[in-house]
Amino acid sequence: MKQDVLVDGRWLMPPEPMEKVLLALDQLRPGQRVRFLLHREPHPLYGILENMGYRHQTHLLPDGCYEILIEARGACR
């Protein structure tokens, strides 16, 4: 199993979190996924991911931040 690629976008000013997560997606290797942390839910990102062929799962963390797990649509975990 490959490690997740962590992108911590908490408390960064837009558009830096979006830029960081898109750059991480470009560098993913087969079997990897991005674990994206953000202090608000990134609704605009969801449509971009869909158009790029990625799926995501969003979880609200106990500290009030969001964890978004992103992987290629055909990836098996």
PDB file of N, CA and C in Angstrom:
ATOM      1  N   MET A   1       0.835  -1.182   0.000  1.00  0.00           N
ATOM      2  CA  MET A   1       0.000   0.000   0.000  1.00  0.00           C
ATOM      3  C   MET A   1       0.880   1.246   0.000  1.00  0.00           C
ATOM      4  N   LYS A   2       0.569   2.184  -0.846  1.00  0.00           N
ATOM      5  CA  LYS A   2       1.313   3.437  -0.944  1.00  0.00           C
ATOM      6  C   LYS A   2       0.829   4.405   0.130  1.00  0.00           C
ATOM      7  N   GLN A   3       1.683   5.312   0.510  1.00  0.00           N
ATOM      8  CA  GLN A   3       1.303   6.334   1.479  1.00  0.00           C
ATOM      9  C   GLN A   3       0.420   7.397   0.856  1.00  0.00           C
ATOM     10  N   ASP A   4      -0.424   7.979   1.693  1.00  0.00           N
ATOM     11  CA  ASP A   4      -1.200   9.129   1.265  1.00  0.00           C
ATOM     12  C   ASP A   4      -0.263  10.323   1.113  1.00  0.00           C
ATOM     13  N   VAL A   5      -0.595  11.208   0.195  1.00  0.00           N
ATOM     14  CA  VAL A   5       0.113  12.466   0.033  1.00  0.00           C
ATOM     15  C   VAL A   5      -0.675  13.512   0.812  1.00  0.00           C
ATOM     16  N   LEU A   6      -0.080  14.075   1.847  1.00  0.00           N
ATOM     17  CA  LEU A   6      -0.754  15.040   2.697  1.00  0.00           C
ATOM     18  C   LEU A   6      -0.615  16.443   2.132  1.00  0.00           C
ATOM     19  N   VAL A   7      -1.746  17.120   1.996  1.00  0.00           N
ATOM     20  CA  VAL A   7      -1.768  18.537   1.635  1.00  0.00           C
ATOM     21  C   VAL A   7      -2.524  19.245   2.748  1.00  0.00           C
ATOM     22  N   ASP A   8      -1.816  20.047   3.521  1.00  0.00           N
ATOM     23  CA  ASP A   8      -2.430  20.781   4.625  1.00  0.00           C
ATOM     24  C   ASP A   8      -2.691  22.210   4.171  1.00  0.00           C
ATOM     25  N   GLY A   9      -3.933  22.478   3.829  1.00  0.00           N
ATOM     26  CA  GLY A   9      -4.309  23.804   3.354  1.00  0.00           C
ATOM     27  C   GLY A   9      -4.998  24.636   4.419  1.00  0.00           C
ATOM     28  N   ARG A  10      -4.991  24.145   5.657  1.00  0.00           N
ATOM     29  CA  ARG A  10      -5.673  24.869   6.736  1.00  0.00           C
ATOM     30  C   ARG A  10      -5.053  26.244   6.926  1.00  0.00           C
ATOM     31  N   TRP A  11      -5.934  27.231   6.940  1.00  0.00           N
ATOM     32  CA  TRP A  11      -5.611  28.621   7.250  1.00  0.00           C
ATOM     33  C   TRP A  11      -4.759  29.316   6.199  1.00  0.00           C
ATOM     34  N   LEU A  12      -4.575  28.699   5.040  1.00  0.00           N
ATOM     35  CA  LEU A  12      -3.918  29.384   3.929  1.00  0.00           C
ATOM     36  C   LEU A  12      -4.943  30.243   3.209  1.00  0.00           C
ATOM     37  N   MET A  13      -4.485  31.293   2.577  1.00  0.00           N
ATOM     38  CA  MET A  13      -5.379  32.191   1.839  1.00  0.00           C
ATOM     39  C   MET A  13      -5.610  31.641   0.431  1.00  0.00           C
ATOM     40  N   PRO A  14      -6.850  31.744  -0.064  1.00  0.00           N
ATOM     41  CA  PRO A  14      -7.123  31.332  -1.446  1.00  0.00           C
ATOM     42  C   PRO A  14      -6.295  32.176  -2.411  1.00  0.00           C
ATOM     43  N   PRO A  15      -5.830  31.601  -3.483  1.00  0.00           N
ATOM     44  CA  PRO A  15      -6.130  30.267  -4.017  1.00  0.00           C
ATOM     45  C   PRO A  15      -5.081  29.219  -3.641  1.00  0.00           C
ATOM     46  N   GLU A  16      -4.224  29.507  -2.649  1.00  0.00           N
ATOM     47  CA  GLU A  16      -3.117  28.607  -2.340  1.00  0.00           C
ATOM     48  C   GLU A  16      -3.541  27.172  -2.013  1.00  0.00           C
ATOM     49  N   PRO A  17      -4.591  26.931  -1.205  1.00  0.00           N
ATOM     50  CA  PRO A  17      -4.973  25.535  -0.950  1.00  0.00           C
ATOM     51  C   PRO A  17      -5.354  24.788  -2.234  1.00  0.00           C
ATOM     52  N   MET A  18      -6.109  25.435  -3.114  1.00  0.00           N
ATOM     53  CA  MET A  18      -6.513  24.812  -4.379  1.00  0.00           C
ATOM     54  C   MET A  18      -5.287  24.516  -5.241  1.00  0.00           C
ATOM     55  N   GLU A  19      -4.376  25.464  -5.320  1.00  0.00           N
ATOM     56  CA  GLU A  19      -3.152  25.260  -6.109  1.00  0.00           C
ATOM     57  C   GLU A  19      -2.344  24.091  -5.570  1.00  0.00           C
ATOM     58  N   LYS A  20      -2.219  24.005  -4.242  1.00  0.00           N
ATOM     59  CA  LYS A  20      -1.438  22.921  -3.634  1.00  0.00           C
ATOM     60  C   LYS A  20      -2.056  21.550  -3.891  1.00  0.00           C
ATOM     61  N   VAL A  21      -3.376  21.451  -3.766  1.00  0.00           N
ATOM     62  CA  VAL A  21      -4.009  20.147  -3.955  1.00  0.00           C
ATOM     63  C   VAL A  21      -3.962  19.729  -5.426  1.00  0.00           C
ATOM     64  N   LEU A  22      -4.133  20.665  -6.353  1.00  0.00           N
ATOM     65  CA  LEU A  22      -4.062  20.312  -7.777  1.00  0.00           C
ATOM     66  C   LEU A  22      -2.646  19.899  -8.174  1.00  0.00           C
ATOM     67  N   LEU A  23      -1.651  20.546  -7.609  1.00  0.00           N
ATOM     68  CA  LEU A  23      -0.261  20.155  -7.864  1.00  0.00           C
ATOM     69  C   LEU A  23       0.002  18.747  -7.324  1.00  0.00           C
ATOM     70  N   ALA A  24      -0.507  18.453  -6.140  1.00  0.00           N
ATOM     71  CA  ALA A  24      -0.326  17.118  -5.562  1.00  0.00           C
ATOM     72  C   ALA A  24      -0.996  16.051  -6.427  1.00  0.00           C
ATOM     73  N   LEU A  25      -2.159  16.349  -6.977  1.00  0.00           N
ATOM     74  CA  LEU A  25      -2.838  15.381  -7.846  1.00  0.00           C
ATOM     75  C   LEU A  25      -2.015  15.096  -9.091  1.00  0.00           C
ATOM     76  N   ASP A  26      -1.359  16.106  -9.633  1.00  0.00           N
ATOM     77  CA  ASP A  26      -0.514  15.917 -10.813  1.00  0.00           C
ATOM     78  C   ASP A  26       0.666  15.007 -10.529  1.00  0.00           C
ATOM     79  N   GLN A  27       1.072  14.909  -9.265  1.00  0.00           N
ATOM     80  CA  GLN A  27       2.264  14.137  -8.905  1.00  0.00           C
ATOM     81  C   GLN A  27       1.947  12.772  -8.292  1.00  0.00           C
ATOM     82  N   LEU A  28       0.664  12.415  -8.232  1.00  0.00           N
ATOM     83  CA  LEU A  28       0.286  11.119  -7.649  1.00  0.00           C
ATOM     84  C   LEU A  28       0.824   9.963  -8.467  1.00  0.00           C
ATOM     85  N   ARG A  29       1.212   8.916  -7.782  1.00  0.00           N
ATOM     86  CA  ARG A  29       1.623   7.665  -8.413  1.00  0.00           C
ATOM     87  C   ARG A  29       0.479   6.669  -8.255  1.00  0.00           C
ATOM     88  N   PRO A  30       0.471   5.629  -9.078  1.00  0.00           N
ATOM     89  CA  PRO A  30      -0.601   4.629  -8.967  1.00  0.00           C
ATOM     90  C   PRO A  30      -0.732   4.104  -7.536  1.00  0.00           C
ATOM     91  N   GLY A  31      -1.952   4.034  -7.065  1.00  0.00           N
ATOM     92  CA  GLY A  31      -2.231   3.531  -5.729  1.00  0.00           C
ATOM     93  C   GLY A  31      -2.198   4.592  -4.640  1.00  0.00           C
ATOM     94  N   GLN A  32      -1.698   5.775  -4.943  1.00  0.00           N
ATOM     95  CA  GLN A  32      -1.659   6.838  -3.948  1.00  0.00           C
ATOM     96  C   GLN A  32      -2.958   7.635  -3.983  1.00  0.00           C
ATOM     97  N   ARG A  33      -3.210   8.333  -2.903  1.00  0.00           N
ATOM     98  CA  ARG A  33      -4.316   9.280  -2.847  1.00  0.00           C
ATOM     99  C   ARG A  33      -3.842  10.515  -2.088  1.00  0.00           C
ATOM    100  N   VAL A  34      -4.585  11.592  -2.244  1.00  0.00           N
ATOM    101  CA  VAL A  34      -4.288  12.834  -1.544  1.00  0.00           C
ATOM    102  C   VAL A  34      -5.187  12.922  -0.315  1.00  0.00           C
ATOM    103  N   ARG A  35      -4.594  13.266   0.797  1.00  0.00           N
ATOM    104  CA  ARG A  35      -5.326  13.581   2.030  1.00  0.00           C
ATOM    105  C   ARG A  35      -5.220  15.087   2.212  1.00  0.00           C
ATOM    106  N   PHE A  36      -6.312  15.788   1.939  1.00  0.00           N
ATOM    107  CA  PHE A  36      -6.353  17.247   1.914  1.00  0.00           C
ATOM    108  C   PHE A  36      -7.060  17.745   3.166  1.00  0.00           C
ATOM    109  N   LEU A  37      -6.382  18.572   3.948  1.00  0.00           N
ATOM    110  CA  LEU A  37      -6.950  19.140   5.161  1.00  0.00           C
ATOM    111  C   LEU A  37      -7.257  20.613   4.922  1.00  0.00           C
ATOM    112  N   LEU A  38      -8.457  21.042   5.315  1.00  0.00           N
ATOM    113  CA  LEU A  38      -8.859  22.415   5.080  1.00  0.00           C
ATOM    114  C   LEU A  38      -9.806  22.859   6.190  1.00  0.00           C
ATOM    115  N   HIS A  39      -9.797  24.149   6.504  1.00  0.00           N
ATOM    116  CA  HIS A  39     -10.622  24.677   7.597  1.00  0.00           C
ATOM    117  C   HIS A  39     -12.061  24.982   7.168  1.00  0.00           C
ATOM    118  N   ARG A  40     -12.364  24.799   5.896  1.00  0.00           N
ATOM    119  CA  ARG A  40     -13.742  24.946   5.420  1.00  0.00           C
ATOM    120  C   ARG A  40     -13.948  23.923   4.293  1.00  0.00           C
ATOM    121  N   GLU A  41     -15.199  23.583   4.052  1.00  0.00           N
ATOM    122  CA  GLU A  41     -15.468  22.593   3.008  1.00  0.00           C
ATOM    123  C   GLU A  41     -15.264  23.231   1.632  1.00  0.00           C
ATOM    124  N   PRO A  42     -14.451  22.600   0.765  1.00  0.00           N
ATOM    125  CA  PRO A  42     -14.090  23.192  -0.534  1.00  0.00           C
ATOM    126  C   PRO A  42     -15.067  22.828  -1.651  1.00  0.00           C
ATOM    127  N   HIS A  43     -16.282  23.333  -1.573  1.00  0.00           N
ATOM    128  CA  HIS A  43     -17.305  22.985  -2.562  1.00  0.00           C
ATOM    129  C   HIS A  43     -16.852  23.190  -4.014  1.00  0.00           C
ATOM    130  N   PRO A  44     -16.159  24.277  -4.364  1.00  0.00           N
ATOM    131  CA  PRO A  44     -15.737  24.438  -5.770  1.00  0.00           C
ATOM    132  C   PRO A  44     -14.802  23.324  -6.253  1.00  0.00           C
ATOM    133  N   LEU A  45     -14.057  22.729  -5.333  1.00  0.00           N
ATOM    134  CA  LEU A  45     -13.111  21.671  -5.706  1.00  0.00           C
ATOM    135  C   LEU A  45     -13.833  20.420  -6.200  1.00  0.00           C
ATOM    136  N   TYR A  46     -14.997  20.131  -5.683  1.00  0.00           N
ATOM    137  CA  TYR A  46     -15.677  18.878  -6.004  1.00  0.00           C
ATOM    138  C   TYR A  46     -15.981  18.738  -7.499  1.00  0.00           C
ATOM    139  N   GLY A  47     -16.460  19.771  -8.131  1.00  0.00           N
ATOM    140  CA  GLY A  47     -16.728  19.725  -9.575  1.00  0.00           C
ATOM    141  C   GLY A  47     -15.455  19.582 -10.383  1.00  0.00           C
ATOM    142  N   ILE A  48     -14.394  20.240  -9.938  1.00  0.00           N
ATOM    143  CA  ILE A  48     -13.099  20.132 -10.620  1.00  0.00           C
ATOM    144  C   ILE A  48     -12.599  18.694 -10.553  1.00  0.00           C
ATOM    145  N   LEU A  49     -12.698  18.082  -9.384  1.00  0.00           N
ATOM    146  CA  LEU A  49     -12.264  16.691  -9.226  1.00  0.00           C
ATOM    147  C   LEU A  49     -13.059  15.762 -10.135  1.00  0.00           C
ATOM    148  N   GLU A  50     -14.357  15.963 -10.182  1.00  0.00           N
ATOM    149  CA  GLU A  50     -15.219  15.134 -11.039  1.00  0.00           C
ATOM    150  C   GLU A  50     -14.787  15.245 -12.500  1.00  0.00           C
ATOM    151  N   ASN A  51     -14.562  16.459 -12.953  1.00  0.00           N
ATOM    152  CA  ASN A  51     -14.151  16.680 -14.345  1.00  0.00           C
ATOM    153  C   ASN A  51     -12.770  16.107 -14.650  1.00  0.00           C
ATOM    154  N   MET A  52     -11.927  16.011 -13.633  1.00  0.00           N
ATOM    155  CA  MET A  52     -10.567  15.491 -13.820  1.00  0.00           C
ATOM    156  C   MET A  52     -10.487  13.974 -13.655  1.00  0.00           C
ATOM    157  N   GLY A  53     -11.595  13.325 -13.281  1.00  0.00           N
ATOM    158  CA  GLY A  53     -11.603  11.869 -13.136  1.00  0.00           C
ATOM    159  C   GLY A  53     -11.215  11.377 -11.751  1.00  0.00           C
ATOM    160  N   TYR A  54     -11.436  12.187 -10.743  1.00  0.00           N
ATOM    161  CA  TYR A  54     -11.137  11.790  -9.363  1.00  0.00           C
ATOM    162  C   TYR A  54     -12.429  11.660  -8.577  1.00  0.00           C
ATOM    163  N   ARG A  55     -12.371  10.843  -7.543  1.00  0.00           N
ATOM    164  CA  ARG A  55     -13.474  10.754  -6.592  1.00  0.00           C
ATOM    165  C   ARG A  55     -12.957  11.232  -5.238  1.00  0.00           C
ATOM    166  N   HIS A  56     -13.869  11.599  -4.358  1.00  0.00           N
ATOM    167  CA  HIS A  56     -13.458  12.103  -3.054  1.00  0.00           C
ATOM    168  C   HIS A  56     -14.416  11.649  -1.969  1.00  0.00           C
ATOM    169  N   GLN A  57     -13.903  11.644  -0.766  1.00  0.00           N
ATOM    170  CA  GLN A  57     -14.705  11.416   0.432  1.00  0.00           C
ATOM    171  C   GLN A  57     -14.365  12.549   1.385  1.00  0.00           C
ATOM    172  N   THR A  58     -15.382  13.182   1.937  1.00  0.00           N
ATOM    173  CA  THR A  58     -15.179  14.303   2.843  1.00  0.00           C
ATOM    174  C   THR A  58     -15.622  13.914   4.246  1.00  0.00           C
ATOM    175  N   HIS A  59     -14.775  14.244   5.220  1.00  0.00           N
ATOM    176  CA  HIS A  59     -15.065  13.943   6.624  1.00  0.00           C
ATOM    177  C   HIS A  59     -14.844  15.205   7.451  1.00  0.00           C
ATOM    178  N   LEU A  60     -15.771  15.474   8.347  1.00  0.00           N
ATOM    179  CA  LEU A  60     -15.611  16.560   9.306  1.00  0.00           C
ATOM    180  C   LEU A  60     -14.806  16.014  10.478  1.00  0.00           C
ATOM    181  N   LEU A  61     -13.710  16.669  10.803  1.00  0.00           N
ATOM    182  CA  LEU A  61     -12.837  16.232  11.883  1.00  0.00           C
ATOM    183  C   LEU A  61     -13.283  16.846  13.211  1.00  0.00           C
ATOM    184  N   PRO A  62     -12.879  16.244  14.338  1.00  0.00           N
ATOM    185  CA  PRO A  62     -13.293  16.763  15.652  1.00  0.00           C
ATOM    186  C   PRO A  62     -12.916  18.226  15.891  1.00  0.00           C
ATOM    187  N   ASP A  63     -11.863  18.699  15.236  1.00  0.00           N
ATOM    188  CA  ASP A  63     -11.437  20.090  15.442  1.00  0.00           C
ATOM    189  C   ASP A  63     -12.199  21.076  14.558  1.00  0.00           C
ATOM    190  N   GLY A  64     -13.175  20.588  13.774  1.00  0.00           N
ATOM    191  CA  GLY A  64     -13.976  21.453  12.927  1.00  0.00           C
ATOM    192  C   GLY A  64     -13.418  21.635  11.527  1.00  0.00           C
ATOM    193  N   CYS A  65     -12.251  21.073  11.257  1.00  0.00           N
ATOM    194  CA  CYS A  65     -11.673  21.129   9.914  1.00  0.00           C
ATOM    195  C   CYS A  65     -12.193  19.945   9.102  1.00  0.00           C
ATOM    196  N   TYR A  66     -11.894  19.967   7.818  1.00  0.00           N
ATOM    197  CA  TYR A  66     -12.338  18.910   6.909  1.00  0.00           C
ATOM    198  C   TYR A  66     -11.149  18.125   6.390  1.00  0.00           C
ATOM    199  N   GLU A  67     -11.357  16.837   6.228  1.00  0.00           N
ATOM    200  CA  GLU A  67     -10.398  15.943   5.586  1.00  0.00           C
ATOM    201  C   GLU A  67     -11.064  15.457   4.305  1.00  0.00           C
ATOM    202  N   ILE A  68     -10.404  15.692   3.178  1.00  0.00           N
ATOM    203  CA  ILE A  68     -10.918  15.247   1.894  1.00  0.00           C
ATOM    204  C   ILE A  68      -9.930  14.235   1.334  1.00  0.00           C
ATOM    205  N   LEU A  69     -10.370  13.005   1.150  1.00  0.00           N
ATOM    206  CA  LEU A  69      -9.536  11.951   0.575  1.00  0.00           C
ATOM    207  C   LEU A  69      -9.848  11.884  -0.913  1.00  0.00           C
ATOM    208  N   ILE A  70      -8.817  12.030  -1.728  1.00  0.00           N
ATOM    209  CA  ILE A  70      -8.991  12.130  -3.182  1.00  0.00           C
ATOM    210  C   ILE A  70      -8.174  11.045  -3.860  1.00  0.00           C
ATOM    211  N   GLU A  71      -8.796  10.316  -4.779  1.00  0.00           N
ATOM    212  CA  GLU A  71      -8.078   9.301  -5.538  1.00  0.00           C
ATOM    213  C   GLU A  71      -8.691   9.189  -6.922  1.00  0.00           C
ATOM    214  N   ALA A  72      -7.929   8.586  -7.837  1.00  0.00           N
ATOM    215  CA  ALA A  72      -8.425   8.380  -9.197  1.00  0.00           C
ATOM    216  C   ALA A  72      -9.695   7.551  -9.147  1.00  0.00           C
ATOM    217  N   ARG A  73     -10.623   7.837 -10.007  1.00  0.00           N
ATOM    218  CA  ARG A  73     -11.927   7.173 -10.009  1.00  0.00           C
ATOM    219  C   ARG A  73     -11.800   5.658 -10.083  1.00  0.00           C
ATOM    220  N   GLY A  74     -10.867   5.113 -10.829  1.00  0.00           N
ATOM    221  CA  GLY A  74     -10.727   3.672 -10.986  1.00  0.00           C
ATOM    222  C   GLY A  74      -9.830   3.022  -9.960  1.00  0.00           C
ATOM    223  N   ALA A  75      -9.337   3.776  -8.982  1.00  0.00           N
ATOM    224  CA  ALA A  75      -8.384   3.235  -8.000  1.00  0.00           C
ATOM    225  C   ALA A  75      -9.091   2.308  -7.026  1.00  0.00           C
ATOM    226  N   CYS A  76      -8.420   1.251  -6.652  1.00  0.00           N
ATOM    227  CA  CYS A  76      -8.920   0.325  -5.653  1.00  0.00           C
ATOM    228  C   CYS A  76      -8.157   0.548  -4.367  1.00  0.00           C
ATOM    229  N   ARG A  77      -8.818   0.490  -3.257  1.00  0.00           N
ATOM    230  CA  ARG A  77      -8.191   0.665  -1.945  1.00  0.00           C
ATOM    231  C   ARG A  77      -8.462  -0.536  -1.094  1.00  0.00           C
TER     232      ARG A  77
END
